[in-house]
Amino acid sequence: MKDKSFFLQYLGDHPRIRILDFLMDNFALDFSMPQIAQGSSVAYTTLIEILPKLIKQEIIVETRKIGKSKLYKINLNNPIAKALFAIDIKLSEAAVQKEKIIV
């Protein structure tokens, strides 16, 4: 995994946060479960435990199927997902302001 995002730095490096961070960073795209696991640096078995909970909360939605594979993305219509995006933006803005003060 590359450098941690501000989202991970402030909210903690937890598998659920890594999954959300990956999908938020790539909000325009949909991914299969193996792609989500690889992109978020989360073990596939861990993803299998977490993903159904995020789907039940409608934070993540199934978008389509390719063969037997289901693809998923962050649900941009979900109020929780919208709030997470807002938090991510605020954290990034705060980090940039902090950098300006240090420099």
PDB file of N, CA and C in Angstrom:
ATOM      1  N   MET A   1       0.842  -1.187   0.000  1.00  0.00           N
ATOM      2  CA  MET A   1       0.000   0.000   0.000  1.00  0.00           C
ATOM      3  C   MET A   1       0.881   1.242   0.000  1.00  0.00           C
ATOM      4  N   LYS A   2       0.517   2.220  -0.793  1.00  0.00           N
ATOM      5  CA  LYS A   2       1.280   3.468  -0.872  1.00  0.00           C
ATOM      6  C   LYS A   2       1.107   4.272   0.412  1.00  0.00           C
ATOM      7  N   ASP A   3       1.567   5.522   0.398  1.00  0.00           N
ATOM      8  CA  ASP A   3       1.426   6.382   1.572  1.00  0.00           C
ATOM      9  C   ASP A   3      -0.030   6.425   2.027  1.00  0.00           C
ATOM     10  N   LYS A   4      -0.202   6.486   3.334  1.00  0.00           N
ATOM     11  CA  LYS A   4      -1.558   6.522   3.884  1.00  0.00           C
ATOM     12  C   LYS A   4      -2.233   7.850   3.565  1.00  0.00           C
ATOM     13  N   SER A   5      -3.498   7.766   3.215  1.00  0.00           N
ATOM     14  CA  SER A   5      -4.290   8.971   2.972  1.00  0.00           C
ATOM     15  C   SER A   5      -4.561   9.665   4.303  1.00  0.00           C
ATOM     16  N   PHE A   6      -4.984  10.911   4.222  1.00  0.00           N
ATOM     17  CA  PHE A   6      -5.354  11.632   5.441  1.00  0.00           C
ATOM     18  C   PHE A   6      -6.509  10.920   6.138  1.00  0.00           C
ATOM     19  N   PHE A   7      -7.408  10.352   5.346  1.00  0.00           N
ATOM     20  CA  PHE A   7      -8.553   9.612   5.875  1.00  0.00           C
ATOM     21  C   PHE A   7      -8.066   8.483   6.783  1.00  0.00           C
ATOM     22  N   LEU A   8      -7.083   7.703   6.311  1.00  0.00           N
ATOM     23  CA  LEU A   8      -6.533   6.609   7.118  1.00  0.00           C
ATOM     24  C   LEU A   8      -5.715   7.133   8.292  1.00  0.00           C
ATOM     25  N   GLN A   9      -4.968   8.188   8.068  1.00  0.00           N
ATOM     26  CA  GLN A   9      -4.137   8.733   9.136  1.00  0.00           C
ATOM     27  C   GLN A   9      -4.972   9.180  10.328  1.00  0.00           C
ATOM     28  N   TYR A  10      -6.110   9.814  10.053  1.00  0.00           N
ATOM     29  CA  TYR A  10      -6.923  10.365  11.133  1.00  0.00           C
ATOM     30  C   TYR A  10      -7.950   9.391  11.692  1.00  0.00           C
ATOM     31  N   LEU A  11      -8.510   8.529  10.840  1.00  0.00           N
ATOM     32  CA  LEU A  11      -9.560   7.616  11.302  1.00  0.00           C
ATOM     33  C   LEU A  11      -9.030   6.245  11.702  1.00  0.00           C
ATOM     34  N   GLY A  12      -7.786   5.971  11.399  1.00  0.00           N
ATOM     35  CA  GLY A  12      -7.176   4.712  11.797  1.00  0.00           C
ATOM     36  C   GLY A  12      -7.030   3.747  10.634  1.00  0.00           C
ATOM     37  N   ASP A  13      -5.990   2.949  10.703  1.00  0.00           N
ATOM     38  CA  ASP A  13      -5.687   1.993   9.641  1.00  0.00           C
ATOM     39  C   ASP A  13      -6.374   0.667   9.956  1.00  0.00           C
ATOM     40  N   HIS A  14      -7.676   0.656   9.775  1.00  0.00           N
ATOM     41  CA  HIS A  14      -8.522  -0.508  10.035  1.00  0.00           C
ATOM     42  C   HIS A  14      -9.020  -1.030   8.687  1.00  0.00           C
ATOM     43  N   PRO A  15      -9.193  -2.341   8.528  1.00  0.00           N
ATOM     44  CA  PRO A  15      -9.642  -2.875   7.231  1.00  0.00           C
ATOM     45  C   PRO A  15     -10.900  -2.207   6.680  1.00  0.00           C
ATOM     46  N   ARG A  16     -11.885  -1.946   7.524  1.00  0.00           N
ATOM     47  CA  ARG A  16     -13.116  -1.299   7.051  1.00  0.00           C
ATOM     48  C   ARG A  16     -12.813   0.102   6.501  1.00  0.00           C
ATOM     49  N   ILE A  17     -11.953   0.835   7.184  1.00  0.00           N
ATOM     50  CA  ILE A  17     -11.580   2.177   6.738  1.00  0.00           C
ATOM     51  C   ILE A  17     -10.787   2.093   5.434  1.00  0.00           C
ATOM     52  N   ARG A  18      -9.890   1.102   5.324  1.00  0.00           N
ATOM     53  CA  ARG A  18      -9.112   0.941   4.089  1.00  0.00           C
ATOM     54  C   ARG A  18     -10.015   0.647   2.897  1.00  0.00           C
ATOM     55  N   ILE A  19     -11.027  -0.197   3.102  1.00  0.00           N
ATOM     56  CA  ILE A  19     -11.977  -0.522   2.026  1.00  0.00           C
ATOM     57  C   ILE A  19     -12.719   0.736   1.595  1.00  0.00           C
ATOM     58  N   LEU A  20     -13.242   1.468   2.563  1.00  0.00           N
ATOM     59  CA  LEU A  20     -13.971   2.702   2.249  1.00  0.00           C
ATOM     60  C   LEU A  20     -13.065   3.720   1.563  1.00  0.00           C
ATOM     61  N   ASP A  21     -11.847   3.862   2.059  1.00  0.00           N
ATOM     62  CA  ASP A  21     -10.900   4.808   1.475  1.00  0.00           C
ATOM     63  C   ASP A  21     -10.613   4.456   0.016  1.00  0.00           C
ATOM     64  N   PHE A  22     -10.383   3.177  -0.265  1.00  0.00           N
ATOM     65  CA  PHE A  22     -10.117   2.743  -1.639  1.00  0.00           C
ATOM     66  C   PHE A  22     -11.302   3.045  -2.552  1.00  0.00           C
ATOM     67  N   LEU A  23     -12.503   2.704  -2.098  1.00  0.00           N
ATOM     68  CA  LEU A  23     -13.685   2.924  -2.934  1.00  0.00           C
ATOM     69  C   LEU A  23     -14.002   4.412  -3.091  1.00  0.00           C
ATOM     70  N   MET A  24     -13.733   5.201  -2.063  1.00  0.00           N
ATOM     71  CA  MET A  24     -13.957   6.643  -2.172  1.00  0.00           C
ATOM     72  C   MET A  24     -12.950   7.278  -3.134  1.00  0.00           C
ATOM     73  N   ASP A  25     -11.704   6.828  -3.075  1.00  0.00           N
ATOM     74  CA  ASP A  25     -10.689   7.356  -3.988  1.00  0.00           C
ATOM     75  C   ASP A  25     -11.005   7.016  -5.441  1.00  0.00           C
ATOM     76  N   ASN A  26     -11.747   5.934  -5.640  1.00  0.00           N
ATOM     77  CA  ASN A  26     -12.084   5.450  -6.984  1.00  0.00           C
ATOM     78  C   ASN A  26     -13.593   5.416  -7.175  1.00  0.00           C
ATOM     79  N   PHE A  27     -14.278   6.459  -6.717  1.00  0.00           N
ATOM     80  CA  PHE A  27     -15.740   6.455  -6.649  1.00  0.00           C
ATOM     81  C   PHE A  27     -16.433   6.293  -7.992  1.00  0.00           C
ATOM     82  N   ALA A  28     -15.779   6.628  -9.078  1.00  0.00           N
ATOM     83  CA  ALA A  28     -16.417   6.531 -10.400  1.00  0.00           C
ATOM     84  C   ALA A  28     -16.354   5.119 -10.985  1.00  0.00           C
ATOM     85  N   LEU A  29     -15.598   4.245 -10.344  1.00  0.00           N
ATOM     86  CA  LEU A  29     -15.387   2.898 -10.874  1.00  0.00           C
ATOM     87  C   LEU A  29     -16.038   1.845  -9.992  1.00  0.00           C
ATOM     88  N   ASP A  30     -16.295   0.679 -10.578  1.00  0.00           N
ATOM     89  CA  ASP A  30     -16.769  -0.448  -9.782  1.00  0.00           C
ATOM     90  C   ASP A  30     -15.730  -1.561  -9.835  1.00  0.00           C
ATOM     91  N   PHE A  31     -15.725  -2.392  -8.799  1.00  0.00           N
ATOM     92  CA  PHE A  31     -14.675  -3.386  -8.625  1.00  0.00           C
ATOM     93  C   PHE A  31     -15.243  -4.717  -8.165  1.00  0.00           C
ATOM     94  N   SER A  32     -14.544  -5.787  -8.540  1.00  0.00           N
ATOM     95  CA  SER A  32     -14.867  -7.114  -8.027  1.00  0.00           C
ATOM     96  C   SER A  32     -14.285  -7.232  -6.619  1.00  0.00           C
ATOM     97  N   MET A  33     -14.697  -8.255  -5.908  1.00  0.00           N
ATOM     98  CA  MET A  33     -14.178  -8.439  -4.551  1.00  0.00           C
ATOM     99  C   MET A  33     -12.659  -8.622  -4.533  1.00  0.00           C
ATOM    100  N   PRO A  34     -12.077  -9.448  -5.419  1.00  0.00           N
ATOM    101  CA  PRO A  34     -10.612  -9.550  -5.406  1.00  0.00           C
ATOM    102  C   PRO A  34      -9.918  -8.213  -5.695  1.00  0.00           C
ATOM    103  N   GLN A  35     -10.505  -7.402  -6.562  1.00  0.00           N
ATOM    104  CA  GLN A  35      -9.926  -6.085  -6.853  1.00  0.00           C
ATOM    105  C   GLN A  35      -9.999  -5.167  -5.638  1.00  0.00           C
ATOM    106  N   ILE A  36     -11.113  -5.219  -4.916  1.00  0.00           N
ATOM    107  CA  ILE A  36     -11.255  -4.398  -3.705  1.00  0.00           C
ATOM    108  C   ILE A  36     -10.238  -4.842  -2.663  1.00  0.00           C
ATOM    109  N   ALA A  37     -10.103  -6.155  -2.481  1.00  0.00           N
ATOM    110  CA  ALA A  37      -9.150  -6.686  -1.505  1.00  0.00           C
ATOM    111  C   ALA A  37      -7.731  -6.230  -1.841  1.00  0.00           C
ATOM    112  N   GLN A  38      -7.350  -6.367  -3.097  1.00  0.00           N
ATOM    113  CA  GLN A  38      -6.006  -5.971  -3.512  1.00  0.00           C
ATOM    114  C   GLN A  38      -5.817  -4.459  -3.413  1.00  0.00           C
ATOM    115  N   GLY A  39      -6.769  -3.700  -3.904  1.00  0.00           N
ATOM    116  CA  GLY A  39      -6.650  -2.246  -3.916  1.00  0.00           C
ATOM    117  C   GLY A  39      -6.632  -1.617  -2.536  1.00  0.00           C
ATOM    118  N   SER A  40      -7.289  -2.259  -1.587  1.00  0.00           N
ATOM    119  CA  SER A  40      -7.345  -1.717  -0.228  1.00  0.00           C
ATOM    120  C   SER A  40      -6.355  -2.398   0.717  1.00  0.00           C
ATOM    121  N   SER A  41      -5.581  -3.342   0.190  1.00  0.00           N
ATOM    122  CA  SER A  41      -4.607  -4.099   1.001  1.00  0.00           C
ATOM    123  C   SER A  41      -5.269  -4.784   2.188  1.00  0.00           C
ATOM    124  N   VAL A  42      -6.412  -5.402   1.911  1.00  0.00           N
ATOM    125  CA  VAL A  42      -7.164  -6.144   2.922  1.00  0.00           C
ATOM    126  C   VAL A  42      -7.217  -7.599   2.471  1.00  0.00           C
ATOM    127  N   ALA A  43      -7.043  -8.517   3.392  1.00  0.00           N
ATOM    128  CA  ALA A  43      -7.136  -9.936   3.052  1.00  0.00           C
ATOM    129  C   ALA A  43      -8.537 -10.244   2.522  1.00  0.00           C
ATOM    130  N   TYR A  44      -8.597 -11.115   1.539  1.00  0.00           N
ATOM    131  CA  TYR A  44      -9.878 -11.468   0.924  1.00  0.00           C
ATOM    132  C   TYR A  44     -10.851 -12.007   1.972  1.00  0.00           C
ATOM    133  N   THR A  45     -10.360 -12.829   2.898  1.00  0.00           N
ATOM    134  CA  THR A  45     -11.239 -13.388   3.937  1.00  0.00           C
ATOM    135  C   THR A  45     -11.791 -12.288   4.841  1.00  0.00           C
ATOM    136  N   THR A  46     -11.003 -11.261   5.086  1.00  0.00           N
ATOM    137  CA  THR A  46     -11.473 -10.121   5.881  1.00  0.00           C
ATOM    138  C   THR A  46     -12.533  -9.348   5.107  1.00  0.00           C
ATOM    139  N   LEU A  47     -12.308  -9.167   3.811  1.00  0.00           N
ATOM    140  CA  LEU A  47     -13.282  -8.475   2.963  1.00  0.00           C
ATOM    141  C   LEU A  47     -14.619  -9.207   2.967  1.00  0.00           C
ATOM    142  N   ILE A  48     -14.571 -10.536   2.928  1.00  0.00           N
ATOM    143  CA  ILE A  48     -15.797 -11.342   2.936  1.00  0.00           C
ATOM    144  C   ILE A  48     -16.613 -11.083   4.203  1.00  0.00           C
ATOM    145  N   GLU A  49     -15.951 -10.787   5.304  1.00  0.00           N
ATOM    146  CA  GLU A  49     -16.649 -10.484   6.561  1.00  0.00           C
ATOM    147  C   GLU A  49     -17.217  -9.062   6.569  1.00  0.00           C
ATOM    148  N   ILE A  50     -16.474  -8.113   6.015  1.00  0.00           N
ATOM    149  CA  ILE A  50     -16.833  -6.696   6.111  1.00  0.00           C
ATOM    150  C   ILE A  50     -17.827  -6.264   5.041  1.00  0.00           C
ATOM    151  N   LEU A  51     -17.641  -6.709   3.809  1.00  0.00           N
ATOM    152  CA  LEU A  51     -18.447  -6.229   2.685  1.00  0.00           C
ATOM    153  C   LEU A  51     -19.954  -6.394   2.893  1.00  0.00           C
ATOM    154  N   PRO A  52     -20.436  -7.557   3.358  1.00  0.00           N
ATOM    155  CA  PRO A  52     -21.893  -7.683   3.553  1.00  0.00           C
ATOM    156  C   PRO A  52     -22.470  -6.647   4.521  1.00  0.00           C
ATOM    157  N   LYS A  53     -21.705  -6.273   5.529  1.00  0.00           N
ATOM    158  CA  LYS A  53     -22.174  -5.258   6.483  1.00  0.00           C
ATOM    159  C   LYS A  53     -22.297  -3.891   5.806  1.00  0.00           C
ATOM    160  N   LEU A  54     -21.319  -3.562   4.966  1.00  0.00           N
ATOM    161  CA  LEU A  54     -21.364  -2.285   4.251  1.00  0.00           C
ATOM    162  C   LEU A  54     -22.480  -2.271   3.212  1.00  0.00           C
ATOM    163  N   ILE A  55     -22.753  -3.431   2.622  1.00  0.00           N
ATOM    164  CA  ILE A  55     -23.859  -3.540   1.664  1.00  0.00           C
ATOM    165  C   ILE A  55     -25.190  -3.400   2.397  1.00  0.00           C
ATOM    166  N   LYS A  56     -25.309  -4.040   3.554  1.00  0.00           N
ATOM    167  CA  LYS A  56     -26.549  -3.953   4.340  1.00  0.00           C
ATOM    168  C   LYS A  56     -26.832  -2.509   4.752  1.00  0.00           C
ATOM    169  N   GLN A  57     -25.782  -1.759   5.051  1.00  0.00           N
ATOM    170  CA  GLN A  57     -25.928  -0.345   5.414  1.00  0.00           C
ATOM    171  C   GLN A  57     -26.108   0.538   4.180  1.00  0.00           C
ATOM    172  N   GLU A  58     -26.035  -0.067   3.011  1.00  0.00           N
ATOM    173  CA  GLU A  58     -26.174   0.615   1.716  1.00  0.00           C
ATOM    174  C   GLU A  58     -25.086   1.658   1.472  1.00  0.00           C
ATOM    175  N   ILE A  59     -23.940   1.485   2.126  1.00  0.00           N
ATOM    176  CA  ILE A  59     -22.794   2.356   1.880  1.00  0.00           C
ATOM    177  C   ILE A  59     -22.097   1.910   0.596  1.00  0.00           C
ATOM    178  N   ILE A  60     -22.125   0.614   0.357  1.00  0.00           N
ATOM    179  CA  ILE A  60     -21.597   0.028  -0.876  1.00  0.00           C
ATOM    180  C   ILE A  60     -22.750  -0.663  -1.581  1.00  0.00           C
ATOM    181  N   VAL A  61     -22.778  -0.566  -2.908  1.00  0.00           N
ATOM    182  CA  VAL A  61     -23.841  -1.201  -3.692  1.00  0.00           C
ATOM    183  C   VAL A  61     -23.242  -2.075  -4.789  1.00  0.00           C
ATOM    184  N   GLU A  62     -23.989  -3.121  -5.120  1.00  0.00           N
ATOM    185  CA  GLU A  62     -23.628  -3.944  -6.266  1.00  0.00           C
ATOM    186  C   GLU A  62     -24.068  -3.189  -7.517  1.00  0.00           C
ATOM    187  N   THR A  63     -23.174  -3.072  -8.486  1.00  0.00           N
ATOM    188  CA  THR A  63     -23.489  -2.307  -9.689  1.00  0.00           C
ATOM    189  C   THR A  63     -23.856  -3.185 -10.874  1.00  0.00           C
ATOM    190  N   ARG A  64     -23.167  -4.313 -11.008  1.00  0.00           N
ATOM    191  CA  ARG A  64     -23.417  -5.197 -12.148  1.00  0.00           C
ATOM    192  C   ARG A  64     -22.704  -6.517 -11.934  1.00  0.00           C
ATOM    193  N   LYS A  65     -22.950  -7.434 -12.868  1.00  0.00           N
ATOM    194  CA  LYS A  65     -22.272  -8.725 -12.858  1.00  0.00           C
ATOM    195  C   LYS A  65     -21.542  -8.902 -14.175  1.00  0.00           C
ATOM    196  N   ILE A  66     -20.353  -9.463 -14.088  1.00  0.00           N
ATOM    197  CA  ILE A  66     -19.600  -9.869 -15.273  1.00  0.00           C
ATOM    198  C   ILE A  66     -19.340 -11.358 -15.094  1.00  0.00           C
ATOM    199  N   GLY A  67     -20.058 -12.159 -15.855  1.00  0.00           N
ATOM    200  CA  GLY A  67     -19.993 -13.603 -15.641  1.00  0.00           C
ATOM    201  C   GLY A  67     -20.563 -13.914 -14.272  1.00  0.00           C
ATOM    202  N   LYS A  68     -19.768 -14.579 -13.442  1.00  0.00           N
ATOM    203  CA  LYS A  68     -20.211 -14.891 -12.079  1.00  0.00           C
ATOM    204  C   LYS A  68     -19.755 -13.843 -11.063  1.00  0.00           C
ATOM    205  N   SER A  69     -18.925 -12.915 -11.504  1.00  0.00           N
ATOM    206  CA  SER A  69     -18.380 -11.903 -10.595  1.00  0.00           C
ATOM    207  C   SER A  69     -19.335 -10.727 -10.437  1.00  0.00           C
ATOM    208  N   LYS A  70     -19.534 -10.328  -9.189  1.00  0.00           N
ATOM    209  CA  LYS A  70     -20.314  -9.129  -8.891  1.00  0.00           C
ATOM    210  C   LYS A  70     -19.340  -7.969  -8.720  1.00  0.00           C
ATOM    211  N   LEU A  71     -19.755  -6.799  -9.184  1.00  0.00           N
ATOM    212  CA  LEU A  71     -18.939  -5.605  -9.024  1.00  0.00           C
ATOM    213  C   LEU A  71     -19.641  -4.630  -8.083  1.00  0.00           C
ATOM    214  N   TYR A  72     -18.823  -3.908  -7.317  1.00  0.00           N
ATOM    215  CA  TYR A  72     -19.330  -3.022  -6.274  1.00  0.00           C
ATOM    216  C   TYR A  72     -18.675  -1.651  -6.375  1.00  0.00           C
ATOM    217  N   LYS A  73     -19.377  -0.654  -5.820  1.00  0.00           N
ATOM    218  CA  LYS A  73     -18.812   0.690  -5.701  1.00  0.00           C
ATOM    219  C   LYS A  73     -19.447   1.387  -4.507  1.00  0.00           C
ATOM    220  N   ILE A  74     -18.867   2.508  -4.144  1.00  0.00           N
ATOM    221  CA  ILE A  74     -19.424   3.314  -3.054  1.00  0.00           C
ATOM    222  C   ILE A  74     -20.753   3.896  -3.528  1.00  0.00           C
ATOM    223  N   ASN A  75     -21.731   3.940  -2.639  1.00  0.00           N
ATOM    224  CA  ASN A  75     -23.062   4.440  -2.974  1.00  0.00           C
ATOM    225  C   ASN A  75     -23.101   5.955  -2.757  1.00  0.00           C
ATOM    226  N   LEU A  76     -23.006   6.687  -3.837  1.00  0.00           N
ATOM    227  CA  LEU A  76     -22.965   8.152  -3.748  1.00  0.00           C
ATOM    228  C   LEU A  76     -24.287   8.761  -3.299  1.00  0.00           C
ATOM    229  N   ASN A  77     -25.352   7.966  -3.262  1.00  0.00           N
ATOM    230  CA  ASN A  77     -26.658   8.463  -2.816  1.00  0.00           C
ATOM    231  C   ASN A  77     -26.912   8.207  -1.335  1.00  0.00           C
ATOM    232  N   ASN A  78     -26.007   7.499  -0.682  1.00  0.00           N
ATOM    233  CA  ASN A  78     -26.178   7.167   0.728  1.00  0.00           C
ATOM    234  C   ASN A  78     -25.694   8.326   1.601  1.00  0.00           C
ATOM    235  N   PRO A  79     -26.509   8.758   2.581  1.00  0.00           N
ATOM    236  CA  PRO A  79     -26.101   9.896   3.424  1.00  0.00           C
ATOM    237  C   PRO A  79     -24.828   9.628   4.230  1.00  0.00           C
ATOM    238  N   ILE A  80     -24.609   8.389   4.634  1.00  0.00           N
ATOM    239  CA  ILE A  80     -23.385   8.068   5.383  1.00  0.00           C
ATOM    240  C   ILE A  80     -22.172   8.212   4.469  1.00  0.00           C
ATOM    241  N   ALA A  81     -22.284   7.694   3.247  1.00  0.00           N
ATOM    242  CA  ALA A  81     -21.183   7.822   2.283  1.00  0.00           C
ATOM    243  C   ALA A  81     -20.911   9.293   1.982  1.00  0.00           C
ATOM    244  N   LYS A  82     -21.965  10.080   1.830  1.00  0.00           N
ATOM    245  CA  LYS A  82     -21.796  11.523   1.587  1.00  0.00           C
ATOM    246  C   LYS A  82     -21.060  12.182   2.754  1.00  0.00           C
ATOM    247  N   ALA A  83     -21.420  11.795   3.967  1.00  0.00           N
ATOM    248  CA  ALA A  83     -20.761  12.353   5.151  1.00  0.00           C
ATOM    249  C   ALA A  83     -19.289  11.942   5.199  1.00  0.00           C
ATOM    250  N   LEU A  84     -18.995  10.703   4.811  1.00  0.00           N
ATOM    251  CA  LEU A  84     -17.607  10.247   4.781  1.00  0.00           C
ATOM    252  C   LEU A  84     -16.785  11.044   3.767  1.00  0.00           C
ATOM    253  N   PHE A  85     -17.380  11.336   2.611  1.00  0.00           N
ATOM    254  CA  PHE A  85     -16.700  12.178   1.622  1.00  0.00           C
ATOM    255  C   PHE A  85     -16.439  13.567   2.200  1.00  0.00           C
ATOM    256  N   ALA A  86     -17.416  14.122   2.902  1.00  0.00           N
ATOM    257  CA  ALA A  86     -17.256  15.453   3.503  1.00  0.00           C
ATOM    258  C   ALA A  86     -16.133  15.440   4.543  1.00  0.00           C
ATOM    259  N   ILE A  87     -16.088  14.395   5.353  1.00  0.00           N
ATOM    260  CA  ILE A  87     -15.020  14.262   6.351  1.00  0.00           C
ATOM    261  C   ILE A  87     -13.666  14.172   5.659  1.00  0.00           C
ATOM    262  N   ASP A  88     -13.597  13.379   4.604  1.00  0.00           N
ATOM    263  CA  ASP A  88     -12.344  13.218   3.856  1.00  0.00           C
ATOM    264  C   ASP A  88     -11.857  14.564   3.321  1.00  0.00           C
ATOM    265  N   ILE A  89     -12.764  15.348   2.784  1.00  0.00           N
ATOM    266  CA  ILE A  89     -12.401  16.671   2.254  1.00  0.00           C
ATOM    267  C   ILE A  89     -11.913  17.583   3.375  1.00  0.00           C
ATOM    268  N   LYS A  90     -12.621  17.592   4.501  1.00  0.00           N
ATOM    269  CA  LYS A  90     -12.229  18.446   5.631  1.00  0.00           C
ATOM    270  C   LYS A  90     -10.862  18.041   6.180  1.00  0.00           C
ATOM    271  N   LEU A  91     -10.612  16.734   6.272  1.00  0.00           N
ATOM    272  CA  LEU A  91      -9.314  16.262   6.760  1.00  0.00           C
ATOM    273  C   LEU A  91      -8.194  16.691   5.816  1.00  0.00           C
ATOM    274  N   SER A  92      -8.446  16.593   4.527  1.00  0.00           N
ATOM    275  CA  SER A  92      -7.445  17.009   3.536  1.00  0.00           C
ATOM    276  C   SER A  92      -7.183  18.509   3.631  1.00  0.00           C
ATOM    277  N   GLU A  93      -8.252  19.291   3.765  1.00  0.00           N
ATOM    278  CA  GLU A  93      -8.101  20.746   3.897  1.00  0.00           C
ATOM    279  C   GLU A  93      -7.315  21.099   5.157  1.00  0.00           C
ATOM    280  N   ALA A  94      -7.623  20.428   6.258  1.00  0.00           N
ATOM    281  CA  ALA A  94      -6.923  20.693   7.516  1.00  0.00           C
ATOM    282  C   ALA A  94      -5.445  20.337   7.401  1.00  0.00           C
ATOM    283  N   ALA A  95      -5.147  19.247   6.734  1.00  0.00           N
ATOM    284  CA  ALA A  95      -3.754  18.831   6.565  1.00  0.00           C
ATOM    285  C   ALA A  95      -2.989  19.825   5.695  1.00  0.00           C
ATOM    286  N   VAL A  96      -3.636  20.336   4.660  1.00  0.00           N
ATOM    287  CA  VAL A  96      -2.997  21.332   3.792  1.00  0.00           C
ATOM    288  C   VAL A  96      -2.736  22.612   4.584  1.00  0.00           C
ATOM    289  N   GLN A  97      -3.696  23.042   5.388  1.00  0.00           N
ATOM    290  CA  GLN A  97      -3.514  24.242   6.216  1.00  0.00           C
ATOM    291  C   GLN A  97      -2.368  24.042   7.203  1.00  0.00           C
ATOM    292  N   LYS A  98      -2.291  22.856   7.768  1.00  0.00           N
ATOM    293  CA  LYS A  98      -1.220  22.546   8.716  1.00  0.00           C
ATOM    294  C   LYS A  98       0.135  22.627   8.019  1.00  0.00           C
ATOM    295  N   GLU A  99       0.227  22.133   6.799  1.00  0.00           N
ATOM    296  CA  GLU A  99       1.468  22.199   6.020  1.00  0.00           C
ATOM    297  C   GLU A  99       1.854  23.649   5.737  1.00  0.00           C
ATOM    298  N   LYS A 100       0.873  24.497   5.439  1.00  0.00           N
ATOM    299  CA  LYS A 100       1.152  25.910   5.168  1.00  0.00           C
ATOM    300  C   LYS A 100       1.727  26.591   6.402  1.00  0.00           C
ATOM    301  N   ILE A 101       1.219  26.227   7.567  1.00  0.00           N
ATOM    302  CA  ILE A 101       1.691  26.826   8.818  1.00  0.00           C
ATOM    303  C   ILE A 101       3.125  26.389   9.100  1.00  0.00           C
ATOM    304  N   ILE A 102       3.429  25.124   8.845  1.00  0.00           N
ATOM    305  CA  ILE A 102       4.771  24.590   9.103  1.00  0.00           C
ATOM    306  C   ILE A 102       5.796  25.200   8.160  1.00  0.00           C
ATOM    307  N   VAL A 103       5.429  25.389   6.906  1.00  0.00           N
ATOM    308  CA  VAL A 103       6.367  25.922   5.904  1.00  0.00           C
ATOM    309  C   VAL A 103       6.529  27.369   6.090  1.00  0.00           C
TER     310      VAL A 103
END
